[in-house]
N, C-alpha and C. Protein backbone atom coordinates (compact mmCIF):
# COMPACT_ATOMS: atom_id res chain seq x y z
N UNK A 1 71.75 -13.09 41.07
CA UNK A 1 72.72 -13.83 40.27
C UNK A 1 73.94 -14.17 41.12
N UNK A 2 74.67 -15.14 40.66
CA UNK A 2 75.81 -15.66 41.40
C UNK A 2 77.10 -15.07 40.85
N UNK A 3 77.98 -14.61 41.75
CA UNK A 3 79.28 -14.06 41.37
C UNK A 3 80.38 -14.98 41.88
N UNK A 4 81.27 -15.38 40.98
CA UNK A 4 82.37 -16.28 41.32
C UNK A 4 83.69 -15.53 41.12
N UNK A 5 84.61 -15.68 42.08
CA UNK A 5 85.96 -15.14 41.96
C UNK A 5 86.95 -16.27 42.11
N UNK A 6 87.90 -16.32 41.20
CA UNK A 6 88.99 -17.29 41.27
C UNK A 6 90.26 -16.47 41.47
N UNK A 7 90.83 -16.53 42.68
CA UNK A 7 92.07 -15.80 42.96
C UNK A 7 93.22 -16.79 42.80
N UNK A 8 94.22 -16.40 42.01
CA UNK A 8 95.30 -17.31 41.69
C UNK A 8 96.65 -16.61 41.78
N UNK A 9 97.67 -17.38 42.10
CA UNK A 9 99.04 -16.88 42.23
C UNK A 9 99.67 -16.75 40.84
N UNK A 10 100.00 -15.53 40.48
CA UNK A 10 100.63 -15.28 39.18
C UNK A 10 102.05 -15.87 39.13
N UNK A 11 102.92 -15.56 40.11
CA UNK A 11 104.29 -16.10 40.05
C UNK A 11 104.35 -17.62 40.06
N UNK A 12 103.35 -18.27 40.65
CA UNK A 12 103.33 -19.74 40.74
C UNK A 12 102.90 -20.40 39.43
N UNK A 13 102.38 -19.62 38.51
CA UNK A 13 101.95 -20.18 37.23
C UNK A 13 100.57 -20.83 37.27
N UNK A 14 99.70 -20.36 38.15
CA UNK A 14 98.36 -20.93 38.26
C UNK A 14 97.35 -20.34 37.26
N UNK A 15 97.82 -19.48 36.36
CA UNK A 15 96.89 -18.83 35.43
C UNK A 15 96.13 -19.83 34.56
N UNK A 16 96.83 -20.80 34.00
CA UNK A 16 96.16 -21.78 33.12
C UNK A 16 95.11 -22.56 33.89
N UNK A 17 95.41 -22.94 35.11
CA UNK A 17 94.46 -23.68 35.95
C UNK A 17 93.24 -22.81 36.22
N UNK A 18 93.47 -21.53 36.53
CA UNK A 18 92.36 -20.60 36.80
C UNK A 18 91.49 -20.43 35.56
N UNK A 19 92.11 -20.32 34.41
CA UNK A 19 91.34 -20.16 33.17
C UNK A 19 90.57 -21.43 32.84
N UNK A 20 91.17 -22.59 33.09
CA UNK A 20 90.48 -23.86 32.87
C UNK A 20 89.23 -23.95 33.75
N UNK A 21 89.38 -23.58 35.01
CA UNK A 21 88.26 -23.63 35.94
C UNK A 21 87.19 -22.62 35.56
N UNK A 22 87.61 -21.43 35.17
CA UNK A 22 86.66 -20.40 34.72
C UNK A 22 85.84 -20.93 33.54
N UNK A 23 86.51 -21.53 32.58
CA UNK A 23 85.82 -22.09 31.42
C UNK A 23 84.84 -23.19 31.79
N UNK A 24 85.23 -24.05 32.72
CA UNK A 24 84.35 -25.15 33.15
C UNK A 24 83.09 -24.61 33.83
N UNK A 25 83.26 -23.58 34.66
CA UNK A 25 82.10 -22.99 35.35
C UNK A 25 81.17 -22.33 34.34
N UNK A 26 81.73 -21.59 33.40
CA UNK A 26 80.91 -20.93 32.38
C UNK A 26 80.24 -21.94 31.47
N UNK A 27 80.93 -23.01 31.15
CA UNK A 27 80.36 -24.06 30.30
C UNK A 27 79.15 -24.71 30.98
N UNK A 28 79.27 -24.94 32.28
CA UNK A 28 78.21 -25.62 33.03
C UNK A 28 77.02 -24.70 33.31
N UNK A 29 77.29 -23.44 33.69
CA UNK A 29 76.21 -22.58 34.19
C UNK A 29 75.87 -21.40 33.29
N UNK A 30 76.75 -21.04 32.36
CA UNK A 30 76.46 -19.99 31.39
C UNK A 30 75.84 -18.75 31.98
N UNK A 31 74.66 -18.41 31.50
CA UNK A 31 73.98 -17.17 31.90
C UNK A 31 73.40 -17.23 33.32
N UNK A 32 73.53 -18.37 33.99
CA UNK A 32 73.03 -18.47 35.36
C UNK A 32 73.98 -17.82 36.36
N UNK A 33 75.19 -17.49 35.92
CA UNK A 33 76.14 -16.78 36.79
C UNK A 33 76.31 -15.36 36.27
N UNK A 34 76.46 -14.43 37.20
CA UNK A 34 76.65 -13.03 36.85
C UNK A 34 78.04 -12.81 36.28
N UNK A 35 79.03 -13.41 36.95
CA UNK A 35 80.41 -13.28 36.47
C UNK A 35 81.26 -14.39 37.07
N UNK A 36 82.34 -14.70 36.36
CA UNK A 36 83.39 -15.57 36.87
C UNK A 36 84.68 -14.79 36.65
N UNK A 37 85.12 -14.13 37.72
CA UNK A 37 86.25 -13.20 37.62
C UNK A 37 87.55 -13.88 38.04
N UNK A 38 88.61 -13.57 37.29
CA UNK A 38 89.95 -14.00 37.67
C UNK A 38 90.60 -12.85 38.43
N UNK A 39 91.12 -13.16 39.61
CA UNK A 39 91.73 -12.16 40.49
C UNK A 39 93.18 -12.56 40.70
N UNK A 40 94.11 -11.68 40.32
CA UNK A 40 95.52 -12.01 40.47
C UNK A 40 95.96 -11.91 41.92
N UNK A 41 96.91 -12.75 42.27
CA UNK A 41 97.45 -12.76 43.62
C UNK A 41 98.86 -13.33 43.61
N UNK A 42 99.39 -13.57 44.81
CA UNK A 42 100.71 -14.16 44.94
C UNK A 42 100.75 -15.01 46.20
N UNK A 43 101.91 -15.46 46.59
CA UNK A 43 102.04 -16.25 47.81
C UNK A 43 101.44 -17.64 47.73
N UNK A 44 101.28 -18.18 46.52
CA UNK A 44 100.76 -19.53 46.35
C UNK A 44 99.25 -19.64 46.39
N UNK A 45 98.55 -18.51 46.41
CA UNK A 45 97.10 -18.53 46.55
C UNK A 45 96.41 -19.16 45.34
N UNK A 46 95.40 -19.95 45.62
CA UNK A 46 94.45 -20.42 44.61
C UNK A 46 93.17 -20.69 45.38
N UNK A 47 92.26 -19.73 45.33
CA UNK A 47 91.01 -19.81 46.09
C UNK A 47 89.84 -19.51 45.18
N UNK A 48 88.72 -20.11 45.49
CA UNK A 48 87.48 -19.85 44.77
C UNK A 48 86.45 -19.37 45.77
N UNK A 49 85.84 -18.22 45.46
CA UNK A 49 84.79 -17.66 46.30
C UNK A 49 83.52 -17.49 45.47
N UNK A 50 82.40 -17.82 46.09
CA UNK A 50 81.10 -17.65 45.44
C UNK A 50 80.26 -16.76 46.34
N UNK A 51 79.84 -15.64 45.79
CA UNK A 51 79.07 -14.65 46.56
C UNK A 51 79.76 -14.32 47.89
N UNK A 52 81.09 -14.27 47.85
CA UNK A 52 81.88 -13.91 49.03
C UNK A 52 82.26 -15.07 49.94
N UNK A 53 81.67 -16.24 49.73
CA UNK A 53 81.97 -17.42 50.55
C UNK A 53 83.08 -18.24 49.89
N UNK A 54 84.12 -18.56 50.65
CA UNK A 54 85.19 -19.40 50.12
C UNK A 54 84.70 -20.84 50.02
N UNK A 55 84.81 -21.40 48.81
CA UNK A 55 84.41 -22.80 48.64
C UNK A 55 85.60 -23.70 48.31
N UNK A 56 86.76 -23.09 48.01
CA UNK A 56 87.95 -23.88 47.69
C UNK A 56 89.19 -23.08 48.06
N UNK A 57 90.14 -23.77 48.69
CA UNK A 57 91.45 -23.19 49.01
C UNK A 57 92.48 -24.29 48.77
N UNK A 58 93.42 -24.04 47.88
CA UNK A 58 94.42 -25.04 47.50
C UNK A 58 95.22 -25.53 48.71
N UNK A 59 95.33 -24.70 49.75
CA UNK A 59 96.06 -25.09 50.96
C UNK A 59 95.29 -26.11 51.80
N UNK A 60 93.99 -26.19 51.59
CA UNK A 60 93.16 -27.06 52.42
C UNK A 60 92.44 -28.16 51.64
N UNK A 61 92.25 -27.96 50.35
CA UNK A 61 91.44 -28.88 49.55
C UNK A 61 92.23 -29.45 48.39
N UNK A 62 91.85 -30.65 47.97
CA UNK A 62 92.44 -31.25 46.78
C UNK A 62 91.80 -30.61 45.54
N UNK A 63 92.63 -30.22 44.58
CA UNK A 63 92.10 -29.58 43.37
C UNK A 63 91.37 -30.60 42.53
N UNK A 64 90.09 -30.33 42.29
CA UNK A 64 89.25 -31.19 41.47
C UNK A 64 88.23 -30.29 40.77
N UNK A 65 88.40 -30.10 39.48
CA UNK A 65 87.55 -29.19 38.73
C UNK A 65 86.08 -29.55 38.90
N UNK A 66 85.74 -30.83 38.77
CA UNK A 66 84.34 -31.23 38.86
C UNK A 66 83.74 -30.92 40.23
N UNK A 67 84.50 -31.14 41.29
CA UNK A 67 84.01 -30.87 42.64
C UNK A 67 83.80 -29.37 42.86
N UNK A 68 84.70 -28.55 42.32
CA UNK A 68 84.56 -27.10 42.48
C UNK A 68 83.35 -26.61 41.69
N UNK A 69 83.19 -27.09 40.46
CA UNK A 69 82.03 -26.71 39.65
C UNK A 69 80.74 -27.12 40.36
N UNK A 70 80.73 -28.29 40.96
CA UNK A 70 79.56 -28.75 41.70
C UNK A 70 79.30 -27.84 42.91
N UNK A 71 80.35 -27.40 43.58
CA UNK A 71 80.21 -26.48 44.70
C UNK A 71 79.59 -25.16 44.28
N UNK A 72 79.98 -24.67 43.12
CA UNK A 72 79.38 -23.44 42.57
C UNK A 72 77.91 -23.69 42.30
N UNK A 73 77.58 -24.89 41.84
CA UNK A 73 76.20 -25.23 41.50
C UNK A 73 75.23 -25.08 42.66
N UNK A 74 75.67 -25.35 43.86
CA UNK A 74 74.81 -25.16 45.03
C UNK A 74 74.35 -23.73 45.17
N UNK A 75 75.24 -22.79 44.87
CA UNK A 75 74.89 -21.37 44.93
C UNK A 75 74.01 -20.96 43.76
N UNK A 76 74.30 -21.51 42.59
CA UNK A 76 73.51 -21.18 41.39
C UNK A 76 72.07 -21.64 41.59
N UNK A 77 71.90 -22.85 42.09
CA UNK A 77 70.55 -23.38 42.29
C UNK A 77 69.81 -22.61 43.39
N UNK A 78 70.52 -22.22 44.43
CA UNK A 78 69.88 -21.45 45.52
C UNK A 78 69.42 -20.08 45.04
N UNK A 79 70.14 -19.52 44.05
CA UNK A 79 69.79 -18.20 43.54
C UNK A 79 68.66 -18.24 42.51
N UNK A 80 68.39 -19.44 41.99
CA UNK A 80 67.38 -19.58 40.93
C UNK A 80 65.97 -19.44 41.45
């Protein structure tokens, strides 16, 4: 099964964005993912990791929910 972690900066107010992304991933893949965990952080962090591999970093990538969900999909399909 696929494990997703969304690490987000609490002081920066990224919680709503993290929850929105978590919901989108669960809506798309449901029981095909083991978990979509929210991990608190600071220092402006907003990163998404799938099975330990970083697939999104706000410092390097443009935030796009659909693109991130699609990135998770590659791991979900590989695990199927």
